[in-house]
Amino acid sequence: MSTLETAIPHPAEELAAPHMTETPETVRAAGLATLRLLREARGLSTVDLARLSGLSRDEIVALENGASFTIDQIHALAAALEVRPEQLTT
């Protein structure tokens, strides 16, 4: 094996690195940040997103501030933001 081969980690090894380990808390935090970023990127207020998703403004604010998502909320928000549901949970 050459020096070059030993210096480049296999892609799977990079994905399995300890600093990349996802916990339910990090996944939820990523989803919360994603929700706010997607909403803001589309120029939507919390009231606008509530209207589009069928959720209340209070629900939107709570979700952006750490409340747990339900499956129904994820699907409603994804449809309103025109993204795949997975994009709100990763």
PDB file of N, CA and C in Angstrom:
ATOM      1  N   MET A   1       0.853  -1.179   0.000  1.00  0.00           N
ATOM      2  CA  MET A   1       0.000   0.000   0.000  1.00  0.00           C
ATOM      3  C   MET A   1       0.899   1.242   0.000  1.00  0.00           C
ATOM      4  N   SER A   2       0.596   2.180  -0.857  1.00  0.00           N
ATOM      5  CA  SER A   2       1.414   3.379  -0.947  1.00  0.00           C
ATOM      6  C   SER A   2       1.060   4.363   0.168  1.00  0.00           C
ATOM      7  N   THR A   3       1.914   5.356   0.357  1.00  0.00           N
ATOM      8  CA  THR A   3       1.675   6.384   1.363  1.00  0.00           C
ATOM      9  C   THR A   3       0.386   7.141   1.065  1.00  0.00           C
ATOM     10  N   LEU A   4       0.105   7.377  -0.190  1.00  0.00           N
ATOM     11  CA  LEU A   4      -1.096   8.098  -0.578  1.00  0.00           C
ATOM     12  C   LEU A   4      -2.351   7.329  -0.164  1.00  0.00           C
ATOM     13  N   GLU A   5      -2.330   6.012  -0.364  1.00  0.00           N
ATOM     14  CA  GLU A   5      -3.495   5.195  -0.011  1.00  0.00           C
ATOM     15  C   GLU A   5      -3.754   5.193   1.487  1.00  0.00           C
ATOM     16  N   THR A   6      -2.708   5.218   2.295  1.00  0.00           N
ATOM     17  CA  THR A   6      -2.908   5.188   3.743  1.00  0.00           C
ATOM     18  C   THR A   6      -3.301   6.555   4.296  1.00  0.00           C
ATOM     19  N   ALA A   7      -3.014   7.610   3.564  1.00  0.00           N
ATOM     20  CA  ALA A   7      -3.304   8.945   4.060  1.00  0.00           C
ATOM     21  C   ALA A   7      -4.746   9.369   3.804  1.00  0.00           C
ATOM     22  N   ILE A   8      -5.421   8.717   2.864  1.00  0.00           N
ATOM     23  CA  ILE A   8      -6.783   9.108   2.517  1.00  0.00           C
ATOM     24  C   ILE A   8      -7.763   8.143   3.173  1.00  0.00           C
ATOM     25  N   PRO A   9      -8.559   8.629   4.114  1.00  0.00           N
ATOM     26  CA  PRO A   9      -9.525   7.733   4.763  1.00  0.00           C
ATOM     27  C   PRO A   9     -10.623   7.321   3.795  1.00  0.00           C
ATOM     28  N   HIS A  10     -11.129   6.141   4.009  1.00  0.00           N
ATOM     29  CA  HIS A  10     -12.252   5.639   3.221  1.00  0.00           C
ATOM     30  C   HIS A  10     -13.469   6.500   3.553  1.00  0.00           C
ATOM     31  N   PRO A  11     -14.326   6.830   2.573  1.00  0.00           N
ATOM     32  CA  PRO A  11     -15.504   7.672   2.842  1.00  0.00           C
ATOM     33  C   PRO A  11     -16.379   7.151   3.973  1.00  0.00           C
ATOM     34  N   ALA A  12     -16.527   5.845   4.090  1.00  0.00           N
ATOM     35  CA  ALA A  12     -17.347   5.274   5.165  1.00  0.00           C
ATOM     36  C   ALA A  12     -16.740   5.557   6.529  1.00  0.00           C
ATOM     37  N   GLU A  13     -15.413   5.595   6.604  1.00  0.00           N
ATOM     38  CA  GLU A  13     -14.743   5.904   7.873  1.00  0.00           C
ATOM     39  C   GLU A  13     -15.020   7.344   8.282  1.00  0.00           C
ATOM     40  N   GLU A  14     -15.072   8.246   7.316  1.00  0.00           N
ATOM     41  CA  GLU A  14     -15.367   9.637   7.635  1.00  0.00           C
ATOM     42  C   GLU A  14     -16.788   9.780   8.165  1.00  0.00           C
ATOM     43  N   LEU A  15     -17.718   9.042   7.572  1.00  0.00           N
ATOM     44  CA  LEU A  15     -19.107   9.111   8.023  1.00  0.00           C
ATOM     45  C   LEU A  15     -19.280   8.535   9.411  1.00  0.00           C
ATOM     46  N   ALA A  16     -18.445   7.584   9.773  1.00  0.00           N
ATOM     47  CA  ALA A  16     -18.572   6.926  11.066  1.00  0.00           C
ATOM     48  C   ALA A  16     -17.772   7.621  12.160  1.00  0.00           C
ATOM     49  N   ALA A  17     -17.172   8.744  11.841  1.00  0.00           N
ATOM     50  CA  ALA A  17     -16.364   9.461  12.829  1.00  0.00           C
ATOM     51  C   ALA A  17     -17.209   9.840  14.032  1.00  0.00           C
ATOM     52  N   PRO A  18     -16.633   9.773  15.241  1.00  0.00           N
ATOM     53  CA  PRO A  18     -17.407  10.077  16.446  1.00  0.00           C
ATOM     54  C   PRO A  18     -18.065  11.443  16.445  1.00  0.00           C
ATOM     55  N   HIS A  19     -17.408  12.439  15.869  1.00  0.00           N
ATOM     56  CA  HIS A  19     -17.989  13.781  15.851  1.00  0.00           C
ATOM     57  C   HIS A  19     -19.191  13.878  14.914  1.00  0.00           C
ATOM     58  N   MET A  20     -19.404  12.854  14.101  1.00  0.00           N
ATOM     59  CA  MET A  20     -20.525  12.853  13.169  1.00  0.00           C
ATOM     60  C   MET A  20     -21.722  12.065  13.699  1.00  0.00           C
ATOM     61  N   THR A  21     -21.592  11.481  14.879  1.00  0.00           N
ATOM     62  CA  THR A  21     -22.661  10.662  15.423  1.00  0.00           C
ATOM     63  C   THR A  21     -23.882  11.519  15.698  1.00  0.00           C
ATOM     64  N   GLU A  22     -25.026  11.052  15.193  1.00  0.00           N
ATOM     65  CA  GLU A  22     -26.262  11.792  15.397  1.00  0.00           C
ATOM     66  C   GLU A  22     -27.042  11.175  16.540  1.00  0.00           C
ATOM     67  N   THR A  23     -27.538  12.006  17.391  1.00  0.00           N
ATOM     68  CA  THR A  23     -28.406  11.578  18.473  1.00  0.00           C
ATOM     69  C   THR A  23     -29.788  12.162  18.176  1.00  0.00           C
ATOM     70  N   PRO A  24     -30.830  11.676  18.849  1.00  0.00           N
ATOM     71  CA  PRO A  24     -32.144  12.291  18.626  1.00  0.00           C
ATOM     72  C   PRO A  24     -32.126  13.798  18.856  1.00  0.00           C
ATOM     73  N   GLU A  25     -31.310  14.244  19.806  1.00  0.00           N
ATOM     74  CA  GLU A  25     -31.246  15.684  20.094  1.00  0.00           C
ATOM     75  C   GLU A  25     -30.614  16.456  18.948  1.00  0.00           C
ATOM     76  N   THR A  26     -29.540  15.905  18.351  1.00  0.00           N
ATOM     77  CA  THR A  26     -28.901  16.634  17.256  1.00  0.00           C
ATOM     78  C   THR A  26     -29.771  16.613  16.011  1.00  0.00           C
ATOM     79  N   VAL A  27     -30.477  15.503  15.780  1.00  0.00           N
ATOM     80  CA  VAL A  27     -31.375  15.438  14.635  1.00  0.00           C
ATOM     81  C   VAL A  27     -32.504  16.442  14.811  1.00  0.00           C
ATOM     82  N   ARG A  28     -33.082  16.499  16.019  1.00  0.00           N
ATOM     83  CA  ARG A  28     -34.173  17.444  16.271  1.00  0.00           C
ATOM     84  C   ARG A  28     -33.682  18.873  16.134  1.00  0.00           C
ATOM     85  N   ALA A  29     -32.506  19.172  16.681  1.00  0.00           N
ATOM     86  CA  ALA A  29     -31.955  20.525  16.571  1.00  0.00           C
ATOM     87  C   ALA A  29     -31.726  20.896  15.108  1.00  0.00           C
ATOM     88  N   ALA A  30     -31.247  19.943  14.315  1.00  0.00           N
ATOM     89  CA  ALA A  30     -31.041  20.211  12.889  1.00  0.00           C
ATOM     90  C   ALA A  30     -32.374  20.495  12.210  1.00  0.00           C
ATOM     91  N   GLY A  31     -33.394  19.736  12.568  1.00  0.00           N
ATOM     92  CA  GLY A  31     -34.720  19.964  12.002  1.00  0.00           C
ATOM     93  C   GLY A  31     -35.271  21.327  12.351  1.00  0.00           C
ATOM     94  N   LEU A  32     -35.054  21.743  13.592  1.00  0.00           N
ATOM     95  CA  LEU A  32     -35.540  23.046  14.027  1.00  0.00           C
ATOM     96  C   LEU A  32     -34.845  24.159  13.264  1.00  0.00           C
ATOM     97  N   ALA A  33     -33.536  24.044  13.133  1.00  0.00           N
ATOM     98  CA  ALA A  33     -32.785  25.052  12.395  1.00  0.00           C
ATOM     99  C   ALA A  33     -33.217  25.055  10.938  1.00  0.00           C
ATOM    100  N   THR A  34     -33.443  23.864  10.387  1.00  0.00           N
ATOM    101  CA  THR A  34     -33.866  23.748   8.999  1.00  0.00           C
ATOM    102  C   THR A  34     -35.225  24.392   8.790  1.00  0.00           C
ATOM    103  N   LEU A  35     -36.147  24.164   9.696  1.00  0.00           N
ATOM    104  CA  LEU A  35     -37.481  24.749   9.581  1.00  0.00           C
ATOM    105  C   LEU A  35     -37.399  26.267   9.505  1.00  0.00           C
ATOM    106  N   ARG A  36     -36.689  26.854  10.426  1.00  0.00           N
ATOM    107  CA  ARG A  36     -36.572  28.318  10.442  1.00  0.00           C
ATOM    108  C   ARG A  36     -35.863  28.821   9.182  1.00  0.00           C
ATOM    109  N   LEU A  37     -34.771  28.149   8.801  1.00  0.00           N
ATOM    110  CA  LEU A  37     -34.028  28.578   7.610  1.00  0.00           C
ATOM    111  C   LEU A  37     -34.874  28.467   6.345  1.00  0.00           C
ATOM    112  N   LEU A  38     -35.603  27.369   6.203  1.00  0.00           N
ATOM    113  CA  LEU A  38     -36.456  27.208   5.027  1.00  0.00           C
ATOM    114  C   LEU A  38     -37.556  28.262   5.001  1.00  0.00           C
ATOM    115  N   ARG A  39     -38.142  28.496   6.151  1.00  0.00           N
ATOM    116  CA  ARG A  39     -39.209  29.511   6.233  1.00  0.00           C
ATOM    117  C   ARG A  39     -38.665  30.882   5.853  1.00  0.00           C
ATOM    118  N   GLU A  40     -37.552  31.256   6.459  1.00  0.00           N
ATOM    119  CA  GLU A  40     -36.967  32.571   6.195  1.00  0.00           C
ATOM    120  C   GLU A  40     -36.467  32.696   4.755  1.00  0.00           C
ATOM    121  N   ALA A  41     -35.905  31.611   4.208  1.00  0.00           N
ATOM    122  CA  ALA A  41     -35.405  31.642   2.825  1.00  0.00           C
ATOM    123  C   ALA A  41     -36.536  31.887   1.836  1.00  0.00           C
ATOM    124  N   ARG A  42     -37.730  31.499   2.195  1.00  0.00           N
ATOM    125  CA  ARG A  42     -38.882  31.715   1.325  1.00  0.00           C
ATOM    126  C   ARG A  42     -39.590  33.032   1.627  1.00  0.00           C
ATOM    127  N   GLY A  43     -39.025  33.789   2.547  1.00  0.00           N
ATOM    128  CA  GLY A  43     -39.608  35.088   2.874  1.00  0.00           C
ATOM    129  C   GLY A  43     -40.934  34.984   3.599  1.00  0.00           C
ATOM    130  N   LEU A  44     -41.131  33.879   4.318  1.00  0.00           N
ATOM    131  CA  LEU A  44     -42.395  33.656   5.020  1.00  0.00           C
ATOM    132  C   LEU A  44     -42.291  34.038   6.485  1.00  0.00           C
ATOM    133  N   SER A  45     -43.334  34.630   6.992  1.00  0.00           N
ATOM    134  CA  SER A  45     -43.435  34.868   8.432  1.00  0.00           C
ATOM    135  C   SER A  45     -43.995  33.603   9.068  1.00  0.00           C
ATOM    136  N   THR A  46     -43.984  33.543  10.381  1.00  0.00           N
ATOM    137  CA  THR A  46     -44.599  32.400  11.057  1.00  0.00           C
ATOM    138  C   THR A  46     -46.094  32.349  10.764  1.00  0.00           C
ATOM    139  N   VAL A  47     -46.731  33.503  10.619  1.00  0.00           N
ATOM    140  CA  VAL A  47     -48.164  33.558  10.275  1.00  0.00           C
ATOM    141  C   VAL A  47     -48.393  33.003   8.871  1.00  0.00           C
ATOM    142  N   ASP A  48     -47.518  33.380   7.922  1.00  0.00           N
ATOM    143  CA  ASP A  48     -47.633  32.867   6.553  1.00  0.00           C
ATOM    144  C   ASP A  48     -47.512  31.348   6.535  1.00  0.00           C
ATOM    145  N   LEU A  49     -46.494  30.831   7.227  1.00  0.00           N
ATOM    146  CA  LEU A  49     -46.276  29.383   7.245  1.00  0.00           C
ATOM    147  C   LEU A  49     -47.438  28.673   7.931  1.00  0.00           C
ATOM    148  N   ALA A  50     -47.960  29.265   8.969  1.00  0.00           N
ATOM    149  CA  ALA A  50     -49.121  28.679   9.648  1.00  0.00           C
ATOM    150  C   ALA A  50     -50.291  28.574   8.674  1.00  0.00           C
ATOM    151  N   ARG A  51     -50.536  29.630   7.944  1.00  0.00           N
ATOM    152  CA  ARG A  51     -51.646  29.653   6.982  1.00  0.00           C
ATOM    153  C   ARG A  51     -51.454  28.588   5.899  1.00  0.00           C
ATOM    154  N   LEU A  52     -50.236  28.474   5.380  1.00  0.00           N
ATOM    155  CA  LEU A  52     -49.952  27.515   4.318  1.00  0.00           C
ATOM    156  C   LEU A  52     -49.991  26.063   4.792  1.00  0.00           C
ATOM    157  N   SER A  53     -49.580  25.833   6.029  1.00  0.00           N
ATOM    158  CA  SER A  53     -49.463  24.463   6.543  1.00  0.00           C
ATOM    159  C   SER A  53     -50.714  23.966   7.255  1.00  0.00           C
ATOM    160  N   GLY A  54     -51.579  24.894   7.665  1.00  0.00           N
ATOM    161  CA  GLY A  54     -52.743  24.494   8.440  1.00  0.00           C
ATOM    162  C   GLY A  54     -52.455  24.349   9.923  1.00  0.00           C
ATOM    163  N   LEU A  55     -51.237  24.673  10.316  1.00  0.00           N
ATOM    164  CA  LEU A  55     -50.873  24.669  11.736  1.00  0.00           C
ATOM    165  C   LEU A  55     -51.114  26.063  12.294  1.00  0.00           C
ATOM    166  N   SER A  56     -51.120  26.178  13.598  1.00  0.00           N
ATOM    167  CA  SER A  56     -51.270  27.509  14.195  1.00  0.00           C
ATOM    168  C   SER A  56     -49.915  28.203  14.252  1.00  0.00           C
ATOM    169  N   ARG A  57     -49.948  29.512  14.340  1.00  0.00           N
ATOM    170  CA  ARG A  57     -48.705  30.273  14.493  1.00  0.00           C
ATOM    171  C   ARG A  57     -47.993  29.839  15.762  1.00  0.00           C
ATOM    172  N   ASP A  58     -48.744  29.583  16.833  1.00  0.00           N
ATOM    173  CA  ASP A  58     -48.139  29.138  18.090  1.00  0.00           C
ATOM    174  C   ASP A  58     -47.399  27.808  17.919  1.00  0.00           C
ATOM    175  N   GLU A  59     -47.957  26.921  17.104  1.00  0.00           N
ATOM    176  CA  GLU A  59     -47.278  25.646  16.834  1.00  0.00           C
ATOM    177  C   GLU A  59     -45.966  25.878  16.094  1.00  0.00           C
ATOM    178  N   ILE A  60     -45.986  26.751  15.096  1.00  0.00           N
ATOM    179  CA  ILE A  60     -44.774  27.059  14.327  1.00  0.00           C
ATOM    180  C   ILE A  60     -43.698  27.605  15.259  1.00  0.00           C
ATOM    181  N   VAL A  61     -44.062  28.568  16.078  1.00  0.00           N
ATOM    182  CA  VAL A  61     -43.108  29.174  17.015  1.00  0.00           C
ATOM    183  C   VAL A  61     -42.577  28.115  17.976  1.00  0.00           C
ATOM    184  N   ALA A  62     -43.466  27.282  18.509  1.00  0.00           N
ATOM    185  CA  ALA A  62     -43.038  26.230  19.445  1.00  0.00           C
ATOM    186  C   ALA A  62     -42.073  25.263  18.780  1.00  0.00           C
ATOM    187  N   LEU A  63     -42.363  24.861  17.549  1.00  0.00           N
ATOM    188  CA  LEU A  63     -41.485  23.936  16.833  1.00  0.00           C
ATOM    189  C   LEU A  63     -40.119  24.566  16.572  1.00  0.00           C
ATOM    190  N   GLU A  64     -40.104  25.830  16.213  1.00  0.00           N
ATOM    191  CA  GLU A  64     -38.835  26.515  15.970  1.00  0.00           C
ATOM    192  C   GLU A  64     -38.050  26.729  17.262  1.00  0.00           C
ATOM    193  N   ASN A  65     -38.740  26.643  18.397  1.00  0.00           N
ATOM    194  CA  ASN A  65     -38.073  26.846  19.687  1.00  0.00           C
ATOM    195  C   ASN A  65     -37.860  25.565  20.473  1.00  0.00           C
ATOM    196  N   GLY A  66     -38.004  24.407  19.830  1.00  0.00           N
ATOM    197  CA  GLY A  66     -37.616  23.168  20.478  1.00  0.00           C
ATOM    198  C   GLY A  66     -38.688  22.138  20.748  1.00  0.00           C
ATOM    199  N   ALA A  67     -39.941  22.431  20.428  1.00  0.00           N
ATOM    200  CA  ALA A  67     -40.991  21.436  20.642  1.00  0.00           C
ATOM    201  C   ALA A  67     -40.779  20.254  19.697  1.00  0.00           C
ATOM    202  N   SER A  68     -41.242  19.093  20.098  1.00  0.00           N
ATOM    203  CA  SER A  68     -41.135  17.897  19.263  1.00  0.00           C
ATOM    204  C   SER A  68     -42.137  17.958  18.118  1.00  0.00           C
ATOM    205  N   PHE A  69     -41.710  17.479  16.957  1.00  0.00           N
ATOM    206  CA  PHE A  69     -42.560  17.406  15.777  1.00  0.00           C
ATOM    207  C   PHE A  69     -43.395  16.138  15.818  1.00  0.00           C
ATOM    208  N   THR A  70     -44.623  16.187  15.323  1.00  0.00           N
ATOM    209  CA  THR A  70     -45.383  14.974  15.055  1.00  0.00           C
ATOM    210  C   THR A  70     -45.230  14.673  13.565  1.00  0.00           C
ATOM    211  N   ILE A  71     -45.537  13.459  13.176  1.00  0.00           N
ATOM    212  CA  ILE A  71     -45.465  13.087  11.765  1.00  0.00           C
ATOM    213  C   ILE A  71     -46.392  13.977  10.932  1.00  0.00           C
ATOM    214  N   ASP A  72     -47.589  14.220  11.437  1.00  0.00           N
ATOM    215  CA  ASP A  72     -48.538  15.073  10.702  1.00  0.00           C
ATOM    216  C   ASP A  72     -47.994  16.484  10.519  1.00  0.00           C
ATOM    217  N   GLN A  73     -47.351  17.029  11.552  1.00  0.00           N
ATOM    218  CA  GLN A  73     -46.773  18.369  11.445  1.00  0.00           C
ATOM    219  C   GLN A  73     -45.649  18.395  10.415  1.00  0.00           C
ATOM    220  N   ILE A  74     -44.807  17.362  10.429  1.00  0.00           N
ATOM    221  CA  ILE A  74     -43.702  17.297   9.470  1.00  0.00           C
ATOM    222  C   ILE A  74     -44.239  17.297   8.043  1.00  0.00           C
ATOM    223  N   HIS A  75     -45.253  16.483   7.800  1.00  0.00           N
ATOM    224  CA  HIS A  75     -45.814  16.409   6.438  1.00  0.00           C
ATOM    225  C   HIS A  75     -46.495  17.716   6.041  1.00  0.00           C
ATOM    226  N   ALA A  76     -47.212  18.341   6.960  1.00  0.00           N
ATOM    227  CA  ALA A  76     -47.873  19.610   6.654  1.00  0.00           C
ATOM    228  C   ALA A  76     -46.850  20.709   6.356  1.00  0.00           C
ATOM    229  N   LEU A  77     -45.802  20.763   7.150  1.00  0.00           N
ATOM    230  CA  LEU A  77     -44.766  21.774   6.940  1.00  0.00           C
ATOM    231  C   LEU A  77     -43.998  21.524   5.649  1.00  0.00           C
ATOM    232  N   ALA A  78     -43.678  20.260   5.384  1.00  0.00           N
ATOM    233  CA  ALA A  78     -42.961  19.928   4.151  1.00  0.00           C
ATOM    234  C   ALA A  78     -43.773  20.332   2.929  1.00  0.00           C
ATOM    235  N   ALA A  79     -45.065  20.046   2.953  1.00  0.00           N
ATOM    236  CA  ALA A  79     -45.921  20.426   1.823  1.00  0.00           C
ATOM    237  C   ALA A  79     -45.962  21.946   1.668  1.00  0.00           C
ATOM    238  N   ALA A  80     -46.097  22.650   2.768  1.00  0.00           N
ATOM    239  CA  ALA A  80     -46.168  24.113   2.725  1.00  0.00           C
ATOM    240  C   ALA A  80     -44.865  24.727   2.226  1.00  0.00           C
ATOM    241  N   LEU A  81     -43.738  24.121   2.592  1.00  0.00           N
ATOM    242  CA  LEU A  81     -42.430  24.641   2.207  1.00  0.00           C
ATOM    243  C   LEU A  81     -41.925  24.045   0.894  1.00  0.00           C
ATOM    244  N   GLU A  82     -42.714  23.108   0.335  1.00  0.00           N
ATOM    245  CA  GLU A  82     -42.364  22.449  -0.924  1.00  0.00           C
ATOM    246  C   GLU A  82     -41.019  21.740  -0.853  1.00  0.00           C
ATOM    247  N   VAL A  83     -40.850  20.960   0.225  1.00  0.00           N
ATOM    248  CA  VAL A  83     -39.648  20.138   0.404  1.00  0.00           C
ATOM    249  C   VAL A  83     -40.096  18.727   0.777  1.00  0.00           C
ATOM    250  N   ARG A  84     -39.154  17.788   0.744  1.00  0.00           N
ATOM    251  CA  ARG A  84     -39.440  16.433   1.200  1.00  0.00           C
ATOM    252  C   ARG A  84     -39.455  16.436   2.725  1.00  0.00           C
ATOM    253  N   PRO A  85     -40.302  15.621   3.349  1.00  0.00           N
ATOM    254  CA  PRO A  85     -40.354  15.565   4.813  1.00  0.00           C
ATOM    255  C   PRO A  85     -38.997  15.293   5.459  1.00  0.00           C
ATOM    256  N   GLU A  86     -38.177  14.481   4.800  1.00  0.00           N
ATOM    257  CA  GLU A  86     -36.845  14.171   5.339  1.00  0.00           C
ATOM    258  C   GLU A  86     -35.988  15.421   5.518  1.00  0.00           C
ATOM    259  N   GLN A  87     -36.231  16.424   4.713  1.00  0.00           N
ATOM    260  CA  GLN A  87     -35.437  17.651   4.792  1.00  0.00           C
ATOM    261  C   GLN A  87     -35.698  18.410   6.093  1.00  0.00           C
ATOM    262  N   LEU A  88     -36.785  18.125   6.750  1.00  0.00           N
ATOM    263  CA  LEU A  88     -37.077  18.786   8.026  1.00  0.00           C
ATOM    264  C   LEU A  88     -36.536  18.001   9.206  1.00  0.00           C
ATOM    265  N   THR A  89     -36.073  16.794   8.970  1.00  0.00           N
ATOM    266  CA  THR A  89     -35.616  15.959  10.078  1.00  0.00           C
ATOM    267  C   THR A  89     -34.146  15.632   9.986  1.00  0.00           C
ATOM    268  N   THR A  90     -33.451  16.192   8.989  1.00  0.00           N
ATOM    269  CA  THR A  90     -32.020  15.925   8.869  1.00  0.00           C
ATOM    270  C   THR A  90     -31.238  17.208   8.811  1.00  0.00           C
TER     271      THR A  90
END
